[in-house]
Amino acid sequence: MLPAVLLALLAAPPPTLRVDGSAGNNTLNGVFDAPLGERITATSSAVSCDIRVDGEGRNLSGTCSVPLDTITVDADATKTEHFRQWATNRKVDPSRCLLSAQLERIPVSLPGGPGESTQFQADVPFTVCGRPRDDGGRERVTGTLVRLDDGWVRVRARVEHFHREAYRVGPRFTEGWLARVQSLAKVVAEEGTLELTLFASPPGTSARPRASGDSAPCLPRPSTRSPTEERKCRT
């Protein structure tokens, strides 16, 4: 009997944490602030993740991504379209392009009880429309995980010094923009900071929150959410 139990445990799939890109509350916020130019903010509320947790809950592996066509720039249609052209180099349909991060055995201990938190840091490979960083390097990601009262895990992550041109995102890589490269050089920052706020479902539960009540998405904020959940949206 014991060998059969051991075989079953070994054959069982690893537990997962899921971040639902359609929930509306899993956000990316990227700020590119040029000292002599514009401060540009790129946002999306459609980040999704599938993350495997090892048996002891001390390593995370998987993928997080955000579709390019869900990212808006300064809530401006023209800036958003220009960004999509820069990201795709006008060679790929924006609906087929992702900003992705590959997690490879990130060392972190999942917080146990409600209110408990843990910190993490790791060097993570990113891709933009399938393109890795031109030097083959990784981005340093730092952040925290907090166990919420309902068992979900809130993840806050930060990537500093994200250099868009290292992923060939910009006018000089894009057909039809070469003549404007010089004039844009000091207006649009090449380096920025990415911040993510994610709500991950614990193993064994659905990643999709209910459409109303305490599990409703933060954006937009419906009146059915409790004060406790409103605080989660703001913290």
Protein backbone atom coordinates (compact mmCIF):
# COMPACT_ATOMS: atom_id res chain seq x y z
CA MET A 1 0.00 0.00 0.00
CA LEU A 2 2.80 2.41 0.92
CA PRO A 3 4.62 2.14 -2.43
CA ALA A 4 1.35 2.87 -4.24
CA VAL A 5 0.86 6.01 -2.14
CA LEU A 6 4.40 7.15 -2.85
CA LEU A 7 3.95 6.57 -6.57
CA ALA A 8 0.72 8.57 -6.51
CA LEU A 9 2.42 11.46 -4.76
CA LEU A 10 5.31 11.43 -7.20
CA ALA A 11 2.94 11.32 -10.18
CA ALA A 12 0.73 14.16 -8.91
CA PRO A 13 1.20 17.47 -10.74
CA PRO A 14 2.88 20.25 -8.73
CA PRO A 15 0.54 22.80 -7.14
CA THR A 16 0.09 26.04 -9.05
CA LEU A 17 -0.58 29.70 -8.45
CA ARG A 18 -2.63 31.35 -11.18
CA VAL A 19 -3.04 35.01 -12.02
CA ASP A 20 -6.11 35.60 -14.19
CA GLY A 21 -5.46 38.11 -16.96
CA SER A 22 -9.19 38.66 -17.47
CA ALA A 23 -9.90 39.58 -13.83
CA GLY A 24 -9.10 43.26 -14.36
CA ASN A 25 -7.06 43.72 -11.18
CA ASN A 26 -3.68 42.28 -12.21
CA THR A 27 -1.77 45.33 -13.29
CA LEU A 28 1.41 46.46 -14.99
CA ASN A 29 2.56 50.06 -14.63
CA GLY A 30 5.65 51.23 -16.54
CA VAL A 31 7.06 54.74 -16.13
CA PHE A 32 9.64 56.16 -18.55
CA ASP A 33 10.69 59.62 -17.41
CA ALA A 34 13.01 61.61 -19.69
CA PRO A 35 14.88 64.37 -17.75
CA LEU A 36 14.50 66.80 -20.66
CA GLY A 37 11.38 65.33 -22.20
CA GLU A 38 8.16 63.54 -21.38
CA ARG A 39 7.10 61.34 -18.51
CA ILE A 40 5.32 58.43 -20.18
CA THR A 41 3.22 55.86 -18.33
CA ALA A 42 2.28 52.53 -19.90
CA THR A 43 -0.43 50.51 -18.13
CA SER A 44 -2.33 47.26 -18.45
CA SER A 45 -4.72 45.37 -16.17
CA ALA A 46 -4.41 42.08 -18.08
CA VAL A 47 -1.32 40.39 -16.61
CA SER A 48 -1.61 36.61 -16.41
CA CYS A 49 0.64 34.01 -14.80
CA ASP A 50 0.85 30.24 -14.46
CA ILE A 51 3.31 29.43 -11.72
CA ARG A 52 4.33 26.01 -10.42
CA VAL A 53 5.18 25.64 -6.75
CA ASP A 54 7.63 22.96 -5.67
CA GLY A 55 6.65 20.43 -3.01
CA GLU A 56 8.04 22.49 -0.14
CA GLY A 57 6.76 25.83 -1.42
CA ARG A 58 10.26 27.27 -1.67
CA ASN A 59 10.69 27.66 -5.42
CA LEU A 60 8.46 29.13 -8.12
CA SER A 61 8.68 28.41 -11.85
CA GLY A 62 6.45 29.40 -14.74
CA THR A 63 5.53 32.31 -16.99
CA CYS A 64 3.93 35.73 -16.57
CA SER A 65 2.86 37.78 -19.58
CA VAL A 66 0.80 40.72 -20.71
CA PRO A 67 -0.60 41.12 -24.26
CA LEU A 68 0.75 44.16 -26.06
CA ASP A 69 -2.71 45.17 -27.26
CA THR A 70 -3.88 45.60 -23.64
CA ILE A 71 -1.18 48.19 -22.87
CA THR A 72 -2.15 51.86 -23.13
CA VAL A 73 0.21 54.83 -22.97
CA ASP A 74 -0.93 57.92 -21.06
CA ALA A 75 -4.53 56.91 -21.89
CA ASP A 76 -3.84 58.42 -25.31
CA ALA A 77 -4.79 56.56 -28.50
CA THR A 78 -2.02 58.11 -30.62
CA LYS A 79 0.75 57.41 -28.10
CA THR A 80 -0.57 53.88 -27.63
CA GLU A 81 -0.50 53.22 -31.36
CA HIS A 82 3.04 54.59 -31.63
CA PHE A 83 4.17 52.35 -28.76
CA ARG A 84 2.67 49.30 -30.46
CA GLN A 85 4.52 50.13 -33.66
CA TRP A 86 7.78 50.52 -31.75
CA ALA A 87 7.29 47.25 -29.85
CA THR A 88 6.41 45.21 -32.94
CA ASN A 89 8.78 47.10 -35.26
CA ARG A 90 5.71 47.04 -37.54
CA LYS A 91 6.49 43.40 -38.34
CA VAL A 92 3.97 41.61 -36.10
CA ASP A 93 0.29 42.07 -35.35
CA PRO A 94 0.10 43.64 -31.84
CA SER A 95 -2.56 41.08 -30.87
CA ARG A 96 0.07 38.35 -31.28
CA CYS A 97 2.75 40.11 -29.23
CA LEU A 98 3.48 39.58 -25.53
CA LEU A 99 5.70 41.12 -22.90
CA SER A 100 6.76 37.96 -21.05
CA ALA A 101 8.89 36.91 -18.10
CA GLN A 102 10.11 33.36 -17.57
CA LEU A 103 10.42 32.31 -13.92
CA GLU A 104 13.03 29.62 -13.33
CA ARG A 105 13.04 28.18 -9.81
CA ILE A 106 12.77 31.55 -8.08
CA PRO A 107 13.74 31.00 -4.44
CA VAL A 108 10.91 32.24 -2.22
CA SER A 109 8.91 30.90 0.72
CA LEU A 110 5.17 31.29 0.33
CA PRO A 111 3.65 33.16 3.29
CA GLY A 112 1.74 30.81 5.57
CA GLY A 113 -1.06 32.57 7.42
CA PRO A 114 -3.21 35.62 6.62
CA GLY A 115 -1.26 38.86 6.84
CA GLU A 116 2.11 37.15 6.63
CA SER A 117 4.54 38.31 3.96
CA THR A 118 7.82 37.27 2.37
CA GLN A 119 10.28 39.10 0.16
CA PHE A 120 11.97 37.87 -3.00
CA GLN A 121 14.51 38.92 -5.59
CA ALA A 122 15.67 37.19 -8.73
CA ASP A 123 17.27 37.76 -12.12
CA VAL A 124 14.57 36.98 -14.68
CA PRO A 125 14.72 36.70 -18.48
CA PHE A 126 12.18 38.88 -20.31
CA THR A 127 11.08 38.95 -23.93
CA VAL A 128 9.16 41.52 -25.98
CA CYS A 129 7.34 40.07 -28.99
CA GLY A 130 9.60 37.03 -28.60
CA ARG A 131 12.80 39.10 -28.57
CA PRO A 132 15.16 38.60 -25.59
CA ARG A 133 17.47 41.30 -24.29
CA ASP A 134 20.12 41.98 -26.91
CA ASP A 135 23.01 41.18 -24.55
CA GLY A 136 21.38 37.96 -23.32
CA GLY A 137 21.06 39.45 -19.84
CA ARG A 138 18.26 39.34 -17.29
CA GLU A 139 16.28 41.88 -15.29
CA ARG A 140 16.53 42.14 -11.52
CA VAL A 141 13.06 41.69 -10.06
CA THR A 142 12.33 42.47 -6.39
CA GLY A 143 9.08 42.29 -4.49
CA THR A 144 6.85 40.88 -1.79
CA LEU A 145 4.17 38.22 -1.41
CA VAL A 146 1.36 38.69 1.12
CA ARG A 147 -1.17 36.06 2.14
CA LEU A 148 -4.65 37.61 2.18
CA ASP A 149 -7.52 36.64 4.48
CA ASP A 150 -9.20 34.57 1.76
CA GLY A 151 -6.03 32.57 1.05
CA TRP A 152 -5.11 34.42 -2.12
CA VAL A 153 -1.58 35.76 -2.50
CA ARG A 154 -0.92 39.38 -3.44
CA VAL A 155 2.31 39.85 -5.35
CA ARG A 156 4.04 43.17 -5.78
CA ALA A 157 7.07 43.22 -8.05
CA ARG A 158 9.38 45.92 -9.32
CA VAL A 159 11.89 46.05 -12.18
CA GLU A 160 14.18 49.07 -12.25
CA HIS A 161 16.39 50.21 -15.15
CA PHE A 162 14.31 48.40 -17.78
CA HIS A 163 15.95 49.53 -21.03
CA ARG A 164 13.44 49.29 -23.87
CA GLU A 165 16.07 49.58 -26.62
CA ALA A 166 17.75 46.44 -25.29
CA TYR A 167 14.62 44.68 -26.60
CA ARG A 168 14.60 46.67 -29.87
CA VAL A 169 11.60 48.72 -28.78
CA GLY A 170 11.85 52.19 -30.27
CA PRO A 171 11.66 54.34 -33.39
CA ARG A 172 15.09 53.49 -34.74
CA PHE A 173 14.10 49.83 -35.03
CA THR A 174 10.78 50.59 -36.70
CA GLU A 175 10.15 51.06 -40.39
CA GLY A 176 8.93 54.56 -41.22
CA TRP A 177 10.32 56.12 -38.02
CA LEU A 178 14.01 56.51 -38.90
CA ALA A 179 13.66 60.15 -39.97
CA ARG A 180 12.26 61.06 -36.54
CA VAL A 181 14.83 59.29 -34.37
CA GLN A 182 17.01 62.35 -33.79
CA SER A 183 14.09 64.60 -32.78
CA LEU A 184 12.75 61.96 -30.37
CA ALA A 185 16.09 61.14 -28.76
CA LYS A 186 15.69 63.46 -25.75
CA VAL A 187 11.90 63.39 -25.58
CA VAL A 188 11.25 59.71 -24.87
CA ALA A 189 13.27 57.96 -22.15
CA GLU A 190 15.02 54.74 -23.06
CA GLU A 191 15.02 53.45 -19.48
CA GLY A 192 12.10 53.03 -17.10
CA THR A 193 10.65 51.25 -14.09
CA LEU A 194 8.05 48.48 -14.24
CA GLU A 195 5.74 47.76 -11.30
CA LEU A 196 3.28 44.89 -11.06
CA THR A 197 0.47 44.18 -8.62
CA LEU A 198 -0.96 40.69 -8.97
CA PHE A 199 -3.51 38.54 -7.14
CA ALA A 200 -2.68 34.84 -7.37
CA SER A 201 -5.18 32.11 -6.56
CA PRO A 202 -3.93 29.47 -4.11
CA PRO A 203 -3.46 25.85 -5.26
CA GLY A 204 -6.73 24.04 -5.82
CA THR A 205 -8.92 27.09 -6.48
CA SER A 206 -10.14 28.82 -9.61
CA ALA A 207 -8.08 31.78 -10.81
CA ARG A 208 -11.16 33.71 -11.90
CA PRO A 209 -12.75 35.88 -9.16
CA ARG A 210 -16.49 36.32 -8.94
CA ALA A 211 -18.00 39.14 -10.94
CA SER A 212 -19.29 40.87 -7.82
CA GLY A 213 -18.77 41.03 -4.09
CA ASP A 214 -15.40 40.71 -2.39
CA SER A 215 -13.69 39.05 -5.36
CA ALA A 216 -14.72 41.65 -7.92
CA PRO A 217 -11.91 43.19 -10.00
CA CYS A 218 -10.39 46.45 -8.80
CA LEU A 219 -10.78 48.13 -12.19
CA PRO A 220 -13.44 49.28 -12.57
CA ARG A 221 -14.55 49.32 -8.95
CA PRO A 222 -18.16 48.13 -8.55
CA SER A 223 -20.22 49.23 -5.57
CA THR A 224 -20.69 45.60 -4.45
CA ARG A 225 -17.18 45.27 -3.05
CA SER A 226 -16.73 45.33 0.71
CA PRO A 227 -14.58 47.97 2.47
CA THR A 228 -11.96 45.28 3.15
CA GLU A 229 -11.58 44.52 -0.54
CA GLU A 230 -11.50 48.22 -1.38
CA ARG A 231 -8.49 48.55 0.91
CA LYS A 232 -6.80 45.68 -0.95
CA CYS A 233 -7.23 47.57 -4.20
CA ARG A 234 -5.47 50.60 -2.73
CA THR A 235 -2.69 48.80 -0.83
